[in-house]
Structures are given as structure tokens and as C-alpha cells.
């Protein structure tokens, strides 16, 4: 399955990224979490970390999500540390509500200047 040029659904991660991980520039892949270089980066360094099991968002996490979220944040922590060591700074971001384009919990680890998307 090739990655689509444009995606119009509401869960890019379940529909495209996780089933097509071989098509991505993956930096971490285990039974619970996938992390990769963003397909359309907004910053010079832009990684996305996502649980493989569907969780709607940060605000919908429940006790049954504990193992997935623990592993998600362990991967985010490691990648943020690596980016900080390499780039001198990193930011960790998740979006909620109308800011969350894909309705699947995901965390961005980024650094450097914003890229122009015009």
C-alpha cells in the first residue's frame, strides 16, 4: 500500500501510517508504538509518535490504555532526548479538539525552524 498524496479521512494513523509503516522513515517500531519522520514536516526535525492501538486523544486516555500510553511516553522521552542532544532543543506537542486533524492520539517531537507549506 503506497501512501496517498492527500488523505481526507479522520484517522490517518489507523488508516494509513500504521498499516503502511514500511513506506515511512521509521525511527521506532514495537508492538505498541510507531514513531517516524513526519510525511509533511512542519519543522526542520519533525517526528510523530503514535500508539498502534486506537486512542482518540490525550483527553480520552483511560486506565485500560495504561500500557500503551506508558510506552508512548517512554518513546517520546527517548526521542526528545536524542533530538535535544543533536539539535540543542526540542519541543513535544499534542493537539486536541479542532486542532487535532487526525482523531488518534499522537505526539510531535520537533526542533528547528518551521518549514514553509505554501
C-alpha atoms as a PDB file:
ATOM      1  CA  UNK A   1       0.000   0.000   0.000  1.00  0.00           C
ATOM      2  CA  UNK A   2       1.519   3.337  -1.066  1.00  0.00           C
ATOM      3  CA  UNK A   3       0.950   6.465   0.990  1.00  0.00           C
ATOM      4  CA  UNK A   4      -1.739   8.709  -0.530  1.00  0.00           C
ATOM      5  CA  UNK A   5      -0.789  12.186  -1.800  1.00  0.00           C
ATOM      6  CA  UNK A   6      -3.812  13.588   0.027  1.00  0.00           C
ATOM      7  CA  UNK A   7      -5.730  11.963   2.860  1.00  0.00           C
ATOM      8  CA  UNK A   8      -9.314  13.029   3.509  1.00  0.00           C
ATOM      9  CA  UNK A   9     -10.319  10.688   6.342  1.00  0.00           C
ATOM     10  CA  UNK A  10     -10.200  11.409  10.065  1.00  0.00           C
ATOM     11  CA  UNK A  11      -7.671   8.811  11.335  1.00  0.00           C
ATOM     12  CA  UNK A  12      -4.521   8.883   9.214  1.00  0.00           C
ATOM     13  CA  UNK A  13      -2.710   6.656  11.713  1.00  0.00           C
ATOM     14  CA  UNK A  14      -5.144   3.703  11.733  1.00  0.00           C
ATOM     15  CA  UNK A  15      -5.995   4.065   8.048  1.00  0.00           C
ATOM     16  CA  UNK A  16      -2.578   4.768   6.521  1.00  0.00           C
ATOM     17  CA  UNK A  17       0.529   5.135   8.718  1.00  0.00           C
ATOM     18  CA  UNK A  18       0.334   2.010  10.900  1.00  0.00           C
ATOM     19  CA  UNK A  19      -0.677  -0.393   8.089  1.00  0.00           C
ATOM     20  CA  UNK A  20       1.929   1.203   5.765  1.00  0.00           C
ATOM     21  CA  UNK A  21       4.828   1.602   8.216  1.00  0.00           C
ATOM     22  CA  UNK A  22       7.238   0.124   5.648  1.00  0.00           C
ATOM     23  CA  UNK A  23       6.547   3.190   3.484  1.00  0.00           C
ATOM     24  CA  UNK A  24       7.618   5.583   6.282  1.00  0.00           C
ATOM     25  CA  UNK A  25      11.001   6.739   7.593  1.00  0.00           C
ATOM     26  CA  UNK A  26      10.567   4.834  10.872  1.00  0.00           C
ATOM     27  CA  UNK A  27      12.665   5.649  13.957  1.00  0.00           C
ATOM     28  CA  UNK A  28      10.872   3.283  16.375  1.00  0.00           C
ATOM     29  CA  UNK A  29       8.510   0.347  15.887  1.00  0.00           C
ATOM     30  CA  UNK A  30       7.387  -2.122  18.544  1.00  0.00           C
ATOM     31  CA  UNK A  31       4.156  -3.955  19.376  1.00  0.00           C
ATOM     32  CA  UNK A  32       2.578  -0.831  20.956  1.00  0.00           C
ATOM     33  CA  UNK A  33       4.121   2.272  19.372  1.00  0.00           C
ATOM     34  CA  UNK A  34       5.234   3.570  15.980  1.00  0.00           C
ATOM     35  CA  UNK A  35       7.450   6.645  15.552  1.00  0.00           C
ATOM     36  CA  UNK A  36       8.573   8.105  12.242  1.00  0.00           C
ATOM     37  CA  UNK A  37       9.637  11.245  10.440  1.00  0.00           C
ATOM     38  CA  UNK A  38       6.500  13.243   9.580  1.00  0.00           C
ATOM     39  CA  UNK A  39       5.414  12.763   5.963  1.00  0.00           C
ATOM     40  CA  UNK A  40       4.884  16.530   5.550  1.00  0.00           C
ATOM     41  CA  UNK A  41       7.170  18.068   8.208  1.00  0.00           C
ATOM     42  CA  UNK A  42       6.320  21.446   9.689  1.00  0.00           C
ATOM     43  CA  UNK A  43       9.755  21.835  11.315  1.00  0.00           C
ATOM     44  CA  UNK A  44      13.309  21.001  10.216  1.00  0.00           C
ATOM     45  CA  UNK A  45      13.179  17.962  12.521  1.00  0.00           C
ATOM     46  CA  UNK A  46       9.654  16.592  12.918  1.00  0.00           C
ATOM     47  CA  UNK A  47       8.864  13.173  14.356  1.00  0.00           C
ATOM     48  CA  UNK A  48       5.446  11.672  15.076  1.00  0.00           C
ATOM     49  CA  UNK A  49       4.903   9.110  17.837  1.00  0.00           C
ATOM     50  CA  UNK A  50       1.623   7.189  17.832  1.00  0.00           C
ATOM     51  CA  UNK A  51       0.146   4.250  19.736  1.00  0.00           C
ATOM     52  CA  UNK A  52      -0.727   1.401  17.384  1.00  0.00           C
ATOM     53  CA  UNK A  53      -3.985   0.733  19.201  1.00  0.00           C
ATOM     54  CA  UNK A  54      -6.567   3.430  18.547  1.00  0.00           C
ATOM     55  CA  UNK A  55      -6.905   6.002  21.332  1.00  0.00           C
ATOM     56  CA  UNK A  56      -8.912   9.088  20.379  1.00  0.00           C
ATOM     57  CA  UNK A  57      -6.798  11.766  22.071  1.00  0.00           C
ATOM     58  CA  UNK A  58      -4.802  12.719  25.145  1.00  0.00           C
ATOM     59  CA  UNK A  59      -8.008  13.713  26.954  1.00  0.00           C
ATOM     60  CA  UNK A  60      -9.718  10.376  26.291  1.00  0.00           C
ATOM     61  CA  UNK A  61      -6.989   8.186  27.824  1.00  0.00           C
ATOM     62  CA  UNK A  62      -8.366   5.734  30.410  1.00  0.00           C
ATOM     63  CA  UNK A  63      -6.870   3.132  32.744  1.00  0.00           C
ATOM     64  CA  UNK A  64      -7.214   0.459  30.061  1.00  0.00           C
ATOM     65  CA  UNK A  65      -4.790   2.491  27.911  1.00  0.00           C
ATOM     66  CA  UNK A  66      -2.058   2.478  30.566  1.00  0.00           C
ATOM     67  CA  UNK A  67       0.419   0.116  28.862  1.00  0.00           C
ATOM     68  CA  UNK A  68       0.077   1.874  25.507  1.00  0.00           C
ATOM     69  CA  UNK A  69       0.456   5.360  26.986  1.00  0.00           C
ATOM     70  CA  UNK A  70       3.407   4.365  29.185  1.00  0.00           C
ATOM     71  CA  UNK A  71       5.211   3.031  26.128  1.00  0.00           C
ATOM     72  CA  UNK A  72       4.178   6.046  24.033  1.00  0.00           C
ATOM     73  CA  UNK A  73       5.694   8.454  26.562  1.00  0.00           C
ATOM     74  CA  UNK A  74       8.820   6.324  27.005  1.00  0.00           C
ATOM     75  CA  UNK A  75       9.410   6.576  23.253  1.00  0.00           C
ATOM     76  CA  UNK A  76       8.584  10.320  23.228  1.00  0.00           C
ATOM     77  CA  UNK A  77      11.039  10.856  26.097  1.00  0.00           C
ATOM     78  CA  UNK A  78      13.850   8.953  24.354  1.00  0.00           C
ATOM     79  CA  UNK A  79      13.312  10.695  21.022  1.00  0.00           C
ATOM     80  CA  UNK A  80      13.030  14.141  22.642  1.00  0.00           C
ATOM     81  CA  UNK A  81      16.294  13.490  24.489  1.00  0.00           C
ATOM     82  CA  UNK A  82      18.010  12.405  21.246  1.00  0.00           C
ATOM     83  CA  UNK A  83      16.704  15.419  19.312  1.00  0.00           C
ATOM     84  CA  UNK A  84      17.758  17.779  22.128  1.00  0.00           C
ATOM     85  CA  UNK A  85      21.245  16.278  22.224  1.00  0.00           C
ATOM     86  CA  UNK A  86      21.597  16.535  18.437  1.00  0.00           C
ATOM     87  CA  UNK A  87      19.832  19.881  17.804  1.00  0.00           C
ATOM     88  CA  UNK A  88      20.249  21.677  21.138  1.00  0.00           C
ATOM     89  CA  UNK A  89      16.469  21.949  21.681  1.00  0.00           C
ATOM     90  CA  UNK A  90      13.247  20.055  21.165  1.00  0.00           C
ATOM     91  CA  UNK A  91       9.531  20.601  21.689  1.00  0.00           C
ATOM     92  CA  UNK A  92       6.869  17.993  22.449  1.00  0.00           C
ATOM     93  CA  UNK A  93       3.334  18.716  21.250  1.00  0.00           C
ATOM     94  CA  UNK A  94      -0.048  17.041  21.032  1.00  0.00           C
ATOM     95  CA  UNK A  95      -3.188  18.633  19.617  1.00  0.00           C
ATOM     96  CA  UNK A  96      -6.758  18.470  20.910  1.00  0.00           C
ATOM     97  CA  UNK A  97     -10.232  19.322  19.650  1.00  0.00           C
ATOM     98  CA  UNK A  98     -10.323  21.165  16.335  1.00  0.00           C
ATOM     99  CA  UNK A  99      -6.507  21.442  16.415  1.00  0.00           C
ATOM    100  CA  UNK A 100      -6.314  17.644  16.125  1.00  0.00           C
ATOM    101  CA  UNK A 101      -6.576  16.866  12.401  1.00  0.00           C
ATOM    102  CA  UNK A 102      -6.276  13.111  12.903  1.00  0.00           C
ATOM    103  CA  UNK A 103      -8.562  11.803  15.636  1.00  0.00           C
ATOM    104  CA  UNK A 104      -5.969   9.376  17.015  1.00  0.00           C
ATOM    105  CA  UNK A 105      -3.626  10.249  19.873  1.00  0.00           C
ATOM    106  CA  UNK A 106      -0.249  11.276  18.508  1.00  0.00           C
ATOM    107  CA  UNK A 107       2.680  13.308  19.765  1.00  0.00           C
ATOM    108  CA  UNK A 108       5.003  15.512  17.733  1.00  0.00           C
ATOM    109  CA  UNK A 109       8.668  15.841  18.684  1.00  0.00           C
ATOM    110  CA  UNK A 110      10.178  18.727  16.764  1.00  0.00           C
ATOM    111  CA  UNK A 111      13.093  21.107  16.542  1.00  0.00           C
ATOM    112  CA  UNK A 112      14.440  23.815  14.304  1.00  0.00           C
ATOM    113  CA  UNK A 113      12.769  26.411  12.128  1.00  0.00           C
ATOM    114  CA  UNK A 114       9.275  25.963  10.757  1.00  0.00           C
ATOM    115  CA  UNK A 115       9.067  24.906   7.122  1.00  0.00           C
ATOM    116  CA  UNK A 116       7.075  26.830   4.568  1.00  0.00           C
ATOM    117  CA  UNK A 117       3.988  24.900   3.346  1.00  0.00           C
ATOM    118  CA  UNK A 118       2.755  27.344   0.750  1.00  0.00           C
END
